[in-house]
PDB file of N, CA and C in Angstrom:
ATOM      1  N   VAL A   1       6.505 -10.479   2.213  1.00  0.00           N
ATOM      2  CA  VAL A   1       4.936  -9.582   2.603  1.00  0.00           C
ATOM      3  C   VAL A   1       5.159  -8.470   1.983  1.00  0.00           C
ATOM      4  N   VAL A   2       6.356  -7.530   1.889  1.00  0.00           N
ATOM      5  CA  VAL A   2       6.548  -6.196   1.495  1.00  0.00           C
ATOM      6  C   VAL A   2       6.259  -6.312  -0.078  1.00  0.00           C
ATOM      7  N   ALA A   3       7.017  -7.280  -0.761  1.00  0.00           N
ATOM      8  CA  ALA A   3       6.668  -7.498  -2.150  1.00  0.00           C
ATOM      9  C   ALA A   3       5.257  -7.470  -2.460  1.00  0.00           C
ATOM     10  N   GLN A   4       4.580  -8.205  -1.486  1.00  0.00           N
ATOM     11  CA  GLN A   4       2.895  -8.463  -1.987  1.00  0.00           C
ATOM     12  C   GLN A   4       2.356  -7.081  -1.703  1.00  0.00           C
ATOM     13  N   LEU A   5       2.740  -6.092  -0.700  1.00  0.00           N
ATOM     14  CA  LEU A   5       2.109  -4.771  -0.483  1.00  0.00           C
ATOM     15  C   LEU A   5       2.404  -3.926  -1.834  1.00  0.00           C
ATOM     16  N   VAL A   6       3.845  -3.932  -2.137  1.00  0.00           N
ATOM     17  CA  VAL A   6       4.182  -3.351  -3.326  1.00  0.00           C
ATOM     18  C   VAL A   6       3.427  -3.742  -4.554  1.00  0.00           C
ATOM     19  N   ALA A   7       3.089  -4.798  -4.743  1.00  0.00           N
ATOM     20  CA  ALA A   7       2.356  -5.257  -6.086  1.00  0.00           C
ATOM     21  C   ALA A   7       0.887  -5.033  -5.790  1.00  0.00           C
ATOM     22  N   SER A   8       0.463  -4.741  -4.723  1.00  0.00           N
ATOM     23  CA  SER A   8      -1.080  -4.415  -4.543  1.00  0.00           C
ATOM     24  C   SER A   8      -1.025  -2.810  -4.746  1.00  0.00           C
ATOM     25  N   LEU A   9       0.145  -2.070  -4.332  1.00  0.00           N
ATOM     26  CA  LEU A   9       0.058  -0.672  -4.519  1.00  0.00           C
ATOM     27  C   LEU A   9       0.202  -0.518  -6.059  1.00  0.00           C
ATOM     28  N   ARG A  10       0.895  -1.198  -6.722  1.00  0.00           N
ATOM     29  CA  ARG A  10       1.240  -0.864  -8.294  1.00  0.00           C
ATOM     30  C   ARG A  10      -0.217  -1.155  -8.916  1.00  0.00           C
ATOM     31  N   ALA A  11      -0.874  -2.251  -8.505  1.00  0.00           N
ATOM     32  CA  ALA A  11      -2.127  -2.655  -9.063  1.00  0.00           C
ATOM     33  C   ALA A  11      -3.159  -1.552  -8.899  1.00  0.00           C
ATOM     34  N   GLN A  12      -3.195  -0.593  -7.815  1.00  0.00           N
ATOM     35  CA  GLN A  12      -3.938   0.344  -7.304  1.00  0.00           C
ATOM     36  C   GLN A  12      -3.857   1.575  -7.608  1.00  0.00           C
ATOM     37  N   GLY A  13      -2.606   1.580  -8.806  1.00  0.00           N
ATOM     38  CA  GLY A  13      -2.077   2.690  -9.067  1.00  0.00           C
ATOM     39  C   GLY A  13      -1.247   3.587  -8.138  1.00  0.00           C
ATOM     40  N   ASP A  14      -1.019   3.319  -7.041  1.00  0.00           N
ATOM     41  CA  ASP A  14      -0.054   3.966  -5.904  1.00  0.00           C
ATOM     42  C   ASP A  14       1.317   3.470  -6.034  1.00  0.00           C
ATOM     43  N   GLY A  15       1.927   2.930  -7.102  1.00  0.00           N
ATOM     44  CA  GLY A  15       3.174   2.309  -7.293  1.00  0.00           C
ATOM     45  C   GLY A  15       4.168   3.260  -7.222  1.00  0.00           C
ATOM     46  N   GLY A  16       3.974   4.610  -7.643  1.00  0.00           N
ATOM     47  CA  GLY A  16       5.114   5.600  -7.887  1.00  0.00           C
ATOM     48  C   GLY A  16       5.325   6.480  -6.494  1.00  0.00           C
ATOM     49  N   LEU A  17       4.462   6.246  -5.474  1.00  0.00           N
ATOM     50  CA  LEU A  17       4.591   6.957  -4.232  1.00  0.00           C
ATOM     51  C   LEU A  17       5.846   6.353  -3.453  1.00  0.00           C
ATOM     52  N   ASP A  18       5.963   7.010  -2.443  1.00  0.00           N
ATOM     53  CA  ASP A  18       7.276   6.699  -1.714  1.00  0.00           C
ATOM     54  C   ASP A  18       6.993   5.769  -0.483  1.00  0.00           C
ATOM     55  N   HIS A  19       7.626   5.625   0.510  1.00  0.00           N
ATOM     56  CA  HIS A  19       7.412   4.462   1.613  1.00  0.00           C
ATOM     57  C   HIS A  19       6.249   4.804   2.349  1.00  0.00           C
ATOM     58  N   SER A  20       5.697   5.806   2.308  1.00  0.00           N
ATOM     59  CA  SER A  20       4.223   6.295   2.888  1.00  0.00           C
ATOM     60  C   SER A  20       3.302   5.512   2.179  1.00  0.00           C
ATOM     61  N   ALA A  21       3.404   5.072   0.945  1.00  0.00           N
ATOM     62  CA  ALA A  21       2.231   4.265   0.352  1.00  0.00           C
ATOM     63  C   ALA A  21       2.069   2.852   1.150  1.00  0.00           C
ATOM     64  N   LEU A  22       3.211   2.141   1.742  1.00  0.00           N
ATOM     65  CA  LEU A  22       3.025   1.123   2.293  1.00  0.00           C
ATOM     66  C   LEU A  22       2.084   1.552   3.476  1.00  0.00           C
ATOM     67  N   LEU A  23       2.063   2.426   4.105  1.00  0.00           N
ATOM     68  CA  LEU A  23       1.116   2.595   5.261  1.00  0.00           C
ATOM     69  C   LEU A  23      -0.229   2.845   4.648  1.00  0.00           C
ATOM     70  N   ARG A  24      -0.535   3.305   3.427  1.00  0.00           N
ATOM     71  CA  ARG A  24      -1.750   3.561   2.674  1.00  0.00           C
ATOM     72  C   ARG A  24      -2.213   2.044   2.350  1.00  0.00           C
ATOM     73  N   ALA A  25      -1.438   1.024   2.100  1.00  0.00           N
ATOM     74  CA  ALA A  25      -1.790  -0.188   1.722  1.00  0.00           C
ATOM     75  C   ALA A  25      -2.236  -1.145   2.888  1.00  0.00           C
ATOM     76  N   VAL A  26      -1.382  -0.716   4.213  1.00  0.00           N
ATOM     77  CA  VAL A  26      -1.846  -1.393   5.399  1.00  0.00           C
ATOM     78  C   VAL A  26      -3.174  -1.117   5.853  1.00  0.00           C
ATOM     79  N   GLU A  27      -3.355   0.622   5.716  1.00  0.00           N
ATOM     80  CA  GLU A  27      -5.006   1.001   5.991  1.00  0.00           C
ATOM     81  C   GLU A  27      -5.931   0.277   5.216  1.00  0.00           C
ATOM     82  N   ARG A  28      -5.474   0.148   4.099  1.00  0.00           N
ATOM     83  CA  ARG A  28      -6.587  -0.487   3.010  1.00  0.00           C
ATOM     84  C   ARG A  28      -6.922  -1.834   3.548  1.00  0.00           C
ATOM     85  N   LEU A  29      -5.926  -2.702   3.750  1.00  0.00           N
ATOM     86  CA  LEU A  29      -6.285  -4.062   4.361  1.00  0.00           C
ATOM     87  C   LEU A  29      -6.831  -4.149   5.443  1.00  0.00           C
ATOM     88  N   SER A  30      -6.378  -3.180   6.574  1.00  0.00           N
ATOM     89  CA  SER A  30      -7.001  -3.549   7.997  1.00  0.00           C
ATOM     90  C   SER A  30      -8.487  -2.707   7.911  1.00  0.00           C
ATOM     91  N   GLY A  31      -8.878  -1.686   6.925  1.00  0.00           N
ATOM     92  CA  GLY A  31      -9.959  -0.758   6.986  1.00  0.00           C
ATOM     93  C   GLY A  31      -9.992   0.049   8.058  1.00  0.00           C
ATOM     94  N   ALA A  32      -8.631   0.490   8.650  1.00  0.00           N
ATOM     95  CA  ALA A  32      -8.545   1.568   9.532  1.00  0.00           C
ATOM     96  C   ALA A  32      -7.583   2.666   8.906  1.00  0.00           C
ATOM     97  N   GLN A  33      -7.861   3.796   9.509  1.00  0.00           N
ATOM     98  CA  GLN A  33      -7.285   4.985   8.812  1.00  0.00           C
ATOM     99  C   GLN A  33      -6.026   5.554  10.211  1.00  0.00           C
ATOM    100  N   VAL A  34      -5.038   5.558   9.727  1.00  0.00           N
ATOM    101  CA  VAL A  34      -3.822   5.741  10.863  1.00  0.00           C
ATOM    102  C   VAL A  34      -3.523   7.354  10.680  1.00  0.00           C
TER     103      VAL A  34
END
């Protein structure tokens, strides 16, 4: 699951961010903002 999130982040140009980028990916998938 994490590998898929990281791949998604890279595809959207956020691959260089730290672990907070994982939260951004979850927000995008859920449609909610944390």
